[in-house]
Amino acid sequence: MQTFTVIFLTALALATATKLWLGARHLRHVRRHRERVPAEFESEVGLDAHHRAADYSCAKTRLALISAGFECAVILILTFGGGLQLLHDVTALWFAPGVARGVALMVLLAAAMAVIDLPFGWYRAFGIEQRFGFNKMTPALFIADALKHAALAAALGIPLAACILWVMEKTGGAWWLYAWLIWVAFNLLILAVYPTWIAPLFNKFLPLDDPQLKERIERLLEKCGFRVQGLMVMDGSRRSSHGNAYFTGFGKTKRIVFFDTLLARLAPPEIEAVLAHELGHFKLKHVAKRMAWIFGASLAFLWLLAQLMSQHWFYSGLNVQSPSTAMALILFFIVVPQFIFLLQPVTSFYSRKHEFEADNYAVRHASRVDLISALVKLYKDNAATLTPDPLHSAFYDTHPPAPLRIARLKPIAGHQSPH
């Protein structure tokens, strides 16, 4: 057995074992605390709601455990089981060596993975989400969404893949830099066109028509020195009863989007407080910082791929006998996540730090009491567990768990907006 084979199998086993261990810890911890609401939430969250949140979290975690084991099996089948080599042999019957064969290989793999993932998505929507009262999709809408996603992925992904593969094959040793520039430009383009061209393919967006709420939001935007193209309401209730709000686009295309479920659930002062939190992310340049980290990491990874793709052991160590630029790219995306998985707590910590900073910004421009009230409602209505396993949370959660977040908010002296 080759050295790289042993190293990769060790990384895969360690990543998978860690996922299973963390999931099992979380299940035990949530079940252990299922029968008692944390003291700080007893006045707002009833025991029935606490039971529902615990059961919902456990159901999602059990599915995640199955998915982790299944993902490991798929990786082994694709590599040591000869799956990737088989896909290569199929495309070799259709195309001569080159970009077209590479694109065909990537499309075949993407299609196979989409088919494999479909039952998980179906069970997530019609098993877990429907059982807990969140799913609003019909089977017809689920299938229509899947087809739209596939068409969009093909329309955007195939030209991008062809361009990247051409650059890898034709531009010499510095291809990784040119490929990175294309990747950055592609992502910035998607950010620019998403609000007006992509998002409307899946949801309806209408201007916010509540005059009082609109006036309140516009005052907040003016106070924060923030300009947007529009205040929009999205028909999130068509698919789910979960509520949310988000910014989309950049520059002149920035929009604030509210789920209709969020507007129905929160009072205007609470909506203002939630929006102030989201504004904090922009004003504190969290979005720009995260994009810079992502782009910096992608540059480093492309450089690493450039070093690996010329090494025969990189292919043979994963049971691939037909090296190519497309195969190198595919293997890289299979291998790297196994080695960097244990770094996930670092990215989660960085994200939670930004959430705390955005909370601090929010209470300087809106009501601390209303932000706490809104968060408690959202945790309750979205059935977010109030008692996650601390280690599982530290590893995975990009947002602070409810008790910690509320506890940090309470001492902060913020502006109390009039109701």
Protein backbone atom coordinates (compact mmCIF):
# COMPACT_ATOMS: atom_id res chain seq x y z
CA MET A 1 0.00 0.00 0.00
CA GLN A 2 1.41 3.39 -1.01
CA THR A 3 2.31 6.02 1.58
CA PHE A 4 -0.23 8.52 0.23
CA THR A 5 -2.94 5.85 0.35
CA VAL A 6 -2.27 5.28 4.05
CA ILE A 7 -2.17 9.02 4.76
CA PHE A 8 -5.46 9.66 2.94
CA LEU A 9 -7.26 6.71 4.54
CA THR A 10 -6.08 7.89 7.96
CA ALA A 11 -7.39 11.42 7.30
CA LEU A 12 -10.70 10.06 6.00
CA ALA A 13 -11.12 7.74 8.98
CA LEU A 14 -10.23 10.50 11.44
CA ALA A 15 -12.64 13.01 9.86
CA THR A 16 -15.49 10.48 9.71
CA ALA A 17 -14.88 9.19 13.23
CA THR A 18 -14.85 12.77 14.55
CA LYS A 19 -18.19 13.53 12.84
CA LEU A 20 -19.75 10.39 14.31
CA TRP A 21 -18.33 11.04 17.78
CA LEU A 22 -19.49 14.66 17.84
CA GLY A 23 -22.95 13.68 16.59
CA ALA A 24 -23.28 10.98 19.24
CA ARG A 25 -22.19 13.46 21.95
CA HIS A 26 -24.77 15.97 20.77
CA LEU A 27 -27.56 13.39 20.78
CA ARG A 28 -26.74 12.30 24.34
CA HIS A 29 -26.46 15.87 25.60
CA VAL A 30 -29.74 17.06 24.07
CA ARG A 31 -31.62 14.01 25.33
CA ARG A 32 -30.15 14.44 28.80
CA HIS A 33 -31.46 18.03 29.02
CA ARG A 34 -34.77 17.40 27.23
CA GLU A 35 -36.96 17.43 30.33
CA ARG A 36 -36.01 20.85 31.65
CA VAL A 37 -36.02 24.28 30.01
CA PRO A 38 -32.88 26.31 30.89
CA ALA A 39 -33.74 28.66 33.75
CA GLU A 40 -33.10 31.83 31.75
CA PHE A 41 -35.74 30.78 29.18
CA GLU A 42 -38.43 29.36 31.47
CA SER A 43 -40.64 32.45 31.17
CA GLU A 44 -40.54 32.48 27.34
CA VAL A 45 -40.25 28.83 26.27
CA GLY A 46 -42.67 26.15 27.45
CA LEU A 47 -41.69 22.54 28.04
CA ASP A 48 -43.59 21.36 24.94
CA ALA A 49 -41.64 23.79 22.76
CA HIS A 50 -38.41 22.66 24.43
CA HIS A 51 -39.30 19.01 23.72
CA ARG A 52 -40.00 19.87 20.09
CA ALA A 53 -36.66 21.67 19.69
CA ALA A 54 -34.78 18.77 21.30
CA ASP A 55 -36.50 16.17 19.11
CA TYR A 56 -35.95 18.29 15.98
CA SER A 57 -32.25 18.66 16.76
CA CYS A 58 -31.91 14.92 17.39
CA ALA A 59 -33.68 14.06 14.14
CA LYS A 60 -31.35 16.32 12.15
CA THR A 61 -28.32 14.94 13.95
CA ARG A 62 -29.29 11.33 13.24
CA LEU A 63 -29.59 12.19 9.55
CA ALA A 64 -26.19 13.91 9.70
CA LEU A 65 -24.67 10.75 11.21
CA ILE A 66 -26.10 8.61 8.41
CA SER A 67 -24.91 11.15 5.84
CA ALA A 68 -21.38 11.13 7.29
CA GLY A 69 -21.12 7.35 7.05
CA PHE A 70 -22.64 7.36 3.58
CA GLU A 71 -20.28 10.10 2.40
CA CYS A 72 -17.30 8.06 3.57
CA ALA A 73 -18.60 5.01 1.67
CA VAL A 74 -19.13 7.05 -1.51
CA ILE A 75 -15.58 8.43 -1.33
CA LEU A 76 -14.17 4.92 -0.97
CA ILE A 77 -16.27 3.68 -3.89
CA LEU A 78 -15.19 6.56 -6.11
CA THR A 79 -11.50 6.09 -5.33
CA PHE A 80 -10.49 2.60 -4.24
CA GLY A 81 -13.68 1.08 -5.60
CA GLY A 82 -12.78 2.31 -9.08
CA GLY A 83 -15.78 4.62 -9.55
CA LEU A 84 -13.79 7.57 -10.88
CA GLN A 85 -11.77 5.34 -13.18
CA LEU A 86 -15.02 3.87 -14.54
CA LEU A 87 -16.42 7.34 -15.24
CA HIS A 88 -13.19 8.24 -17.01
CA ASP A 89 -13.39 5.13 -19.15
CA VAL A 90 -16.96 6.03 -20.14
CA THR A 91 -16.01 9.57 -21.18
CA ALA A 92 -12.98 8.20 -23.05
CA LEU A 93 -15.42 6.38 -25.36
CA TRP A 94 -17.08 9.68 -26.23
CA PHE A 95 -14.28 12.26 -26.43
CA ALA A 96 -10.60 12.53 -27.26
CA PRO A 97 -8.28 13.72 -24.49
CA GLY A 98 -8.80 17.38 -23.71
CA VAL A 99 -11.20 19.91 -22.30
CA ALA A 100 -14.37 18.27 -23.66
CA ARG A 101 -13.54 14.93 -22.04
CA GLY A 102 -12.70 16.67 -18.78
CA VAL A 103 -15.99 18.58 -18.73
CA ALA A 104 -17.90 15.38 -19.52
CA LEU A 105 -16.18 13.61 -16.61
CA MET A 106 -17.08 16.43 -14.22
CA VAL A 107 -20.69 16.55 -15.46
CA LEU A 108 -21.10 12.78 -15.06
CA LEU A 109 -19.73 12.90 -11.52
CA ALA A 110 -21.92 15.89 -10.59
CA ALA A 111 -25.00 14.14 -11.97
CA ALA A 112 -24.18 10.94 -10.06
CA MET A 113 -23.68 12.87 -6.82
CA ALA A 114 -26.95 14.78 -7.31
CA VAL A 115 -28.82 11.50 -7.75
CA ILE A 116 -27.15 10.06 -4.66
CA ASP A 117 -28.04 13.13 -2.59
CA LEU A 118 -31.66 13.29 -3.78
CA PRO A 119 -33.08 10.77 -1.23
CA PHE A 120 -31.40 12.67 1.61
CA GLY A 121 -32.92 15.95 0.44
CA TRP A 122 -36.31 14.29 0.04
CA TYR A 123 -36.21 12.81 3.55
CA ARG A 124 -34.97 16.11 4.99
CA ALA A 125 -37.97 17.94 3.49
CA PHE A 126 -40.75 15.37 3.70
CA GLY A 127 -39.48 13.40 6.66
CA ILE A 128 -37.88 15.73 9.21
CA GLU A 129 -39.08 19.20 8.18
CA GLN A 130 -42.64 18.02 7.55
CA ARG A 131 -42.83 16.02 10.76
CA PHE A 132 -41.98 19.13 12.79
CA GLY A 133 -44.31 21.42 10.86
CA PHE A 134 -41.74 23.39 8.86
CA ASN A 135 -42.05 22.01 5.35
CA LYS A 136 -44.50 23.75 3.02
CA MET A 137 -43.23 22.26 -0.24
CA THR A 138 -45.19 19.85 -2.36
CA PRO A 139 -43.42 16.96 -4.11
CA ALA A 140 -44.02 18.79 -7.40
CA LEU A 141 -42.28 21.93 -6.10
CA PHE A 142 -39.40 19.84 -4.71
CA ILE A 143 -38.84 18.23 -8.11
CA ALA A 144 -39.22 21.57 -9.91
CA ASP A 145 -36.59 23.12 -7.62
CA ALA A 146 -34.23 20.20 -8.23
CA LEU A 147 -34.60 20.56 -11.99
CA LYS A 148 -34.06 24.34 -11.80
CA HIS A 149 -30.94 23.87 -9.69
CA ALA A 150 -29.62 21.30 -12.17
CA ALA A 151 -30.29 23.57 -15.14
CA LEU A 152 -28.69 26.55 -13.40
CA ALA A 153 -25.67 24.48 -12.36
CA ALA A 154 -25.24 23.32 -15.96
CA ALA A 155 -25.68 26.79 -17.43
CA LEU A 156 -23.13 28.35 -15.08
CA GLY A 157 -20.92 25.41 -14.15
CA ILE A 158 -20.17 23.89 -17.55
CA PRO A 159 -18.73 27.10 -19.09
CA LEU A 160 -16.76 27.77 -15.88
CA ALA A 161 -15.38 24.21 -15.81
CA ALA A 162 -14.42 24.40 -19.48
CA CYS A 163 -12.68 27.72 -18.93
CA ILE A 164 -10.75 26.50 -15.87
CA LEU A 165 -9.68 23.27 -17.58
CA TRP A 166 -8.54 25.18 -20.69
CA VAL A 167 -6.47 27.50 -18.48
CA MET A 168 -4.97 24.52 -16.64
CA GLU A 169 -3.92 22.89 -19.89
CA LYS A 170 -2.85 25.89 -21.97
CA THR A 171 -1.29 28.56 -19.76
CA GLY A 172 1.76 26.80 -18.32
CA GLY A 173 3.04 26.72 -14.76
CA ALA A 174 1.19 29.87 -13.67
CA TRP A 175 -2.22 28.44 -14.55
CA TRP A 176 -3.25 28.45 -10.89
CA LEU A 177 -3.04 32.26 -10.77
CA TYR A 178 -5.10 32.72 -13.94
CA ALA A 179 -7.64 30.16 -12.76
CA TRP A 180 -7.92 31.99 -9.45
CA LEU A 181 -8.59 35.31 -11.20
CA ILE A 182 -11.35 33.65 -13.23
CA TRP A 183 -12.82 32.11 -10.07
CA VAL A 184 -12.85 35.46 -8.25
CA ALA A 185 -14.42 37.24 -11.23
CA PHE A 186 -17.07 34.51 -11.53
CA ASN A 187 -18.03 34.80 -7.86
CA LEU A 188 -18.25 38.58 -7.99
CA LEU A 189 -20.42 38.32 -11.11
CA ILE A 190 -22.77 35.87 -9.38
CA LEU A 191 -23.05 38.20 -6.38
CA ALA A 192 -23.98 41.05 -8.72
CA VAL A 193 -26.60 39.19 -10.77
CA TYR A 194 -28.06 36.99 -8.04
CA PRO A 195 -30.70 39.45 -6.74
CA THR A 196 -32.21 40.27 -10.14
CA TRP A 197 -31.55 37.19 -12.27
CA ILE A 198 -31.11 34.08 -10.12
CA ALA A 199 -33.16 34.49 -6.93
CA PRO A 200 -36.42 35.26 -8.85
CA LEU A 201 -36.16 31.83 -10.51
CA PHE A 202 -37.08 30.27 -7.16
CA ASN A 203 -39.06 32.88 -5.24
CA LYS A 204 -41.29 35.88 -5.71
CA PHE A 205 -40.01 39.22 -4.45
CA LEU A 206 -42.35 42.13 -3.78
CA PRO A 207 -41.58 45.59 -2.35
CA LEU A 208 -42.26 45.97 1.35
CA ASP A 209 -45.76 47.49 1.52
CA ASP A 210 -46.07 48.22 5.25
CA PRO A 211 -45.67 52.05 5.42
CA GLN A 212 -44.93 52.21 9.15
CA LEU A 213 -42.37 49.38 9.06
CA LYS A 214 -40.81 50.81 5.90
CA GLU A 215 -40.46 54.24 7.56
CA ARG A 216 -38.89 52.66 10.64
CA ILE A 217 -36.39 50.72 8.53
CA GLU A 218 -35.52 53.75 6.40
CA ARG A 219 -34.79 55.77 9.57
CA LEU A 220 -32.49 52.98 10.75
CA LEU A 221 -30.71 52.85 7.39
CA GLU A 222 -30.22 56.61 7.41
CA LYS A 223 -28.91 56.52 10.98
CA CYS A 224 -26.43 53.80 10.01
CA GLY A 225 -25.42 55.51 6.76
CA PHE A 226 -26.48 52.56 4.63
CA ARG A 227 -28.06 52.69 1.18
CA VAL A 228 -29.90 49.87 -0.55
CA GLN A 229 -31.69 49.53 -3.85
CA GLY A 230 -34.85 48.10 -2.32
CA LEU A 231 -36.66 46.60 0.65
CA MET A 232 -38.14 43.31 -0.55
CA VAL A 233 -40.39 40.60 0.87
CA MET A 234 -39.80 37.01 -0.26
CA ASP A 235 -42.43 34.28 -0.26
CA GLY A 236 -40.41 32.00 2.02
CA SER A 237 -43.64 30.49 3.33
CA ARG A 238 -44.04 28.74 -0.02
CA ARG A 239 -41.34 26.28 1.00
CA SER A 240 -40.84 26.53 4.75
CA SER A 241 -42.18 28.16 7.87
CA HIS A 242 -38.64 29.08 8.99
CA GLY A 243 -38.08 32.83 9.14
CA ASN A 244 -35.07 34.86 8.09
CA ALA A 245 -33.81 38.14 6.67
CA TYR A 246 -30.70 38.77 4.62
CA PHE A 247 -28.76 41.18 2.44
CA THR A 248 -27.99 40.28 -1.12
CA GLY A 249 -25.90 41.80 -3.89
CA PHE A 250 -23.23 44.45 -3.49
CA GLY A 251 -22.63 48.01 -4.61
CA LYS A 252 -25.69 49.46 -6.31
CA THR A 253 -27.46 46.08 -6.37
CA LYS A 254 -27.72 45.70 -2.56
CA ARG A 255 -31.15 44.66 -1.34
CA ILE A 256 -32.64 43.83 2.02
CA VAL A 257 -34.85 40.75 1.80
CA PHE A 258 -37.33 39.72 4.50
CA PHE A 259 -39.00 36.33 4.55
CA ASP A 260 -42.76 36.81 4.79
CA THR A 261 -42.67 34.35 7.69
CA LEU A 262 -40.33 36.66 9.61
CA LEU A 263 -42.58 39.68 9.11
CA ALA A 264 -45.58 37.68 10.32
CA ARG A 265 -43.73 36.49 13.41
CA LEU A 266 -41.96 39.59 14.76
CA ALA A 267 -43.19 42.99 15.86
CA PRO A 268 -41.81 46.04 13.98
CA PRO A 269 -39.31 47.00 16.75
CA GLU A 270 -38.01 43.41 16.75
CA ILE A 271 -37.65 43.44 12.97
CA GLU A 272 -35.70 46.69 13.28
CA ALA A 273 -33.38 45.11 15.86
CA VAL A 274 -32.77 42.04 13.66
CA LEU A 275 -32.05 44.31 10.70
CA ALA A 276 -29.63 46.36 12.80
CA HIS A 277 -27.73 43.13 13.48
CA GLU A 278 -27.53 42.38 9.75
CA LEU A 279 -26.41 45.96 9.09
CA GLY A 280 -23.66 45.37 11.61
CA HIS A 281 -22.20 42.63 9.44
CA PHE A 282 -21.91 45.06 6.53
CA LYS A 283 -20.75 48.10 8.49
CA LEU A 284 -18.09 46.04 10.26
CA LYS A 285 -17.00 44.60 6.90
CA HIS A 286 -17.65 41.01 7.95
CA VAL A 287 -18.84 40.07 4.47
CA ALA A 288 -15.73 41.56 2.85
CA LYS A 289 -13.46 39.86 5.38
CA ARG A 290 -15.06 36.46 4.80
CA MET A 291 -14.79 36.88 1.04
CA ALA A 292 -11.13 37.85 1.43
CA TRP A 293 -10.50 34.71 3.51
CA ILE A 294 -12.29 32.52 0.97
CA PHE A 295 -10.45 34.03 -1.98
CA GLY A 296 -7.11 33.80 -0.15
CA ALA A 297 -7.70 30.16 0.73
CA SER A 298 -8.76 29.33 -2.83
CA LEU A 299 -5.53 30.86 -4.17
CA ALA A 300 -3.46 28.73 -1.76
CA PHE A 301 -5.42 25.59 -2.66
CA LEU A 302 -5.02 26.16 -6.40
CA TRP A 303 -1.28 26.59 -5.92
CA LEU A 304 -1.21 23.33 -3.93
CA LEU A 305 -3.15 21.57 -6.68
CA ALA A 306 -0.59 22.80 -9.21
CA GLN A 307 2.11 21.04 -7.17
CA LEU A 308 0.14 17.82 -6.77
CA MET A 309 -1.26 17.29 -10.26
CA SER A 310 2.14 16.48 -11.74
CA GLN A 311 2.81 13.77 -9.12
CA HIS A 312 2.01 10.22 -10.22
CA TRP A 313 1.45 9.09 -6.62
CA PHE A 314 -1.41 11.57 -6.26
CA TYR A 315 -3.42 9.52 -8.77
CA SER A 316 -2.14 6.01 -8.17
CA GLY A 317 -2.46 6.44 -4.40
CA LEU A 318 -6.20 6.90 -4.95
CA ASN A 319 -6.53 4.03 -7.44
CA VAL A 320 -6.76 6.21 -10.55
CA GLN A 321 -4.74 5.05 -13.54
CA SER A 322 -5.68 7.84 -15.96
CA PRO A 323 -4.23 11.19 -14.88
CA SER A 324 -5.74 14.36 -16.36
CA THR A 325 -6.40 17.95 -15.36
CA ALA A 326 -10.08 17.19 -14.71
CA MET A 327 -9.21 14.10 -12.65
CA ALA A 328 -6.68 16.12 -10.64
CA LEU A 329 -9.33 18.73 -9.90
CA ILE A 330 -11.87 16.08 -8.85
CA LEU A 331 -9.41 14.21 -6.63
CA PHE A 332 -8.35 17.45 -5.01
CA PHE A 333 -11.93 18.31 -4.05
CA ILE A 334 -12.31 14.81 -2.59
CA VAL A 335 -9.01 14.80 -0.69
CA VAL A 336 -8.70 18.31 0.75
CA PRO A 337 -11.90 18.32 2.90
CA GLN A 338 -10.67 15.26 4.77
CA PHE A 339 -7.43 17.01 5.74
CA ILE A 340 -8.92 20.38 6.70
CA PHE A 341 -12.02 19.10 8.49
CA LEU A 342 -10.38 19.38 11.90
CA LEU A 343 -9.84 23.10 11.24
CA GLN A 344 -13.59 23.71 11.18
CA PRO A 345 -13.72 24.93 14.81
CA VAL A 346 -11.46 27.80 13.76
CA THR A 347 -13.85 28.98 11.03
CA SER A 348 -16.83 28.45 13.34
CA PHE A 349 -15.18 30.53 16.05
CA TYR A 350 -14.42 33.29 13.55
CA SER A 351 -18.06 33.32 12.41
CA ARG A 352 -19.41 33.38 15.99
CA LYS A 353 -17.07 36.27 16.77
CA HIS A 354 -18.66 38.20 13.93
CA GLU A 355 -22.13 37.43 15.28
CA PHE A 356 -21.23 38.83 18.69
CA GLU A 357 -19.77 41.95 17.04
CA ALA A 358 -22.93 42.41 14.97
CA ASP A 359 -25.03 42.07 18.13
CA ASN A 360 -22.95 44.80 19.77
CA TYR A 361 -23.50 47.02 16.74
CA ALA A 362 -27.23 46.32 16.78
CA VAL A 363 -27.76 47.43 20.38
CA ARG A 364 -26.03 50.73 19.61
CA HIS A 365 -28.59 51.49 16.90
CA ALA A 366 -31.73 49.66 18.03
CA SER A 367 -33.29 48.24 21.17
CA ARG A 368 -31.37 45.63 23.14
CA VAL A 369 -34.62 44.38 24.65
CA ASP A 370 -36.22 44.00 21.22
CA LEU A 371 -33.18 42.16 19.85
CA ILE A 372 -33.29 39.69 22.76
CA SER A 373 -37.04 39.27 22.32
CA ALA A 374 -36.64 38.69 18.56
CA LEU A 375 -33.87 36.13 19.06
CA VAL A 376 -35.88 34.20 21.66
CA LYS A 377 -38.86 34.11 19.28
CA LEU A 378 -36.69 32.95 16.38
CA TYR A 379 -34.98 30.26 18.46
CA LYS A 380 -38.39 29.07 19.64
CA ASP A 381 -40.19 29.24 16.30
CA ASN A 382 -37.31 27.61 14.40
CA ALA A 383 -37.05 24.89 17.08
CA ALA A 384 -33.38 25.59 17.73
CA THR A 385 -32.25 23.58 20.72
CA LEU A 386 -31.39 25.61 23.80
CA THR A 387 -29.10 22.85 25.10
CA PRO A 388 -26.58 21.89 22.41
CA ASP A 389 -23.53 19.86 23.31
CA PRO A 390 -20.80 22.49 23.92
CA LEU A 391 -18.13 20.65 21.93
CA HIS A 392 -20.48 19.91 19.02
CA SER A 393 -21.54 23.57 19.04
CA ALA A 394 -17.96 24.83 19.13
CA PHE A 395 -17.12 22.61 16.18
CA TYR A 396 -20.08 23.30 13.91
CA ASP A 397 -22.16 26.28 14.96
CA THR A 398 -21.57 29.45 12.96
CA HIS A 399 -23.98 31.28 15.30
CA PRO A 400 -23.61 31.27 19.09
CA PRO A 401 -25.99 28.98 20.99
CA ALA A 402 -28.98 30.78 22.46
CA PRO A 403 -27.97 30.81 26.17
CA LEU A 404 -24.52 32.22 25.44
CA ARG A 405 -25.77 34.80 22.96
CA ILE A 406 -28.59 36.08 25.19
CA ALA A 407 -26.30 36.15 28.24
CA ARG A 408 -23.78 38.32 26.38
CA LEU A 409 -26.50 40.65 25.15
CA LYS A 410 -28.07 41.36 28.53
CA PRO A 411 -25.18 43.33 30.09
CA ILE A 412 -24.78 45.53 27.00
CA ALA A 413 -26.20 49.00 27.46
CA GLY A 414 -27.87 49.85 24.19
CA HIS A 415 -30.34 52.38 22.90
CA GLN A 416 -33.90 51.61 23.90
CA SER A 417 -36.09 52.49 20.94
CA PRO A 418 -39.66 53.61 21.67
CA HIS A 419 -42.40 51.05 21.00
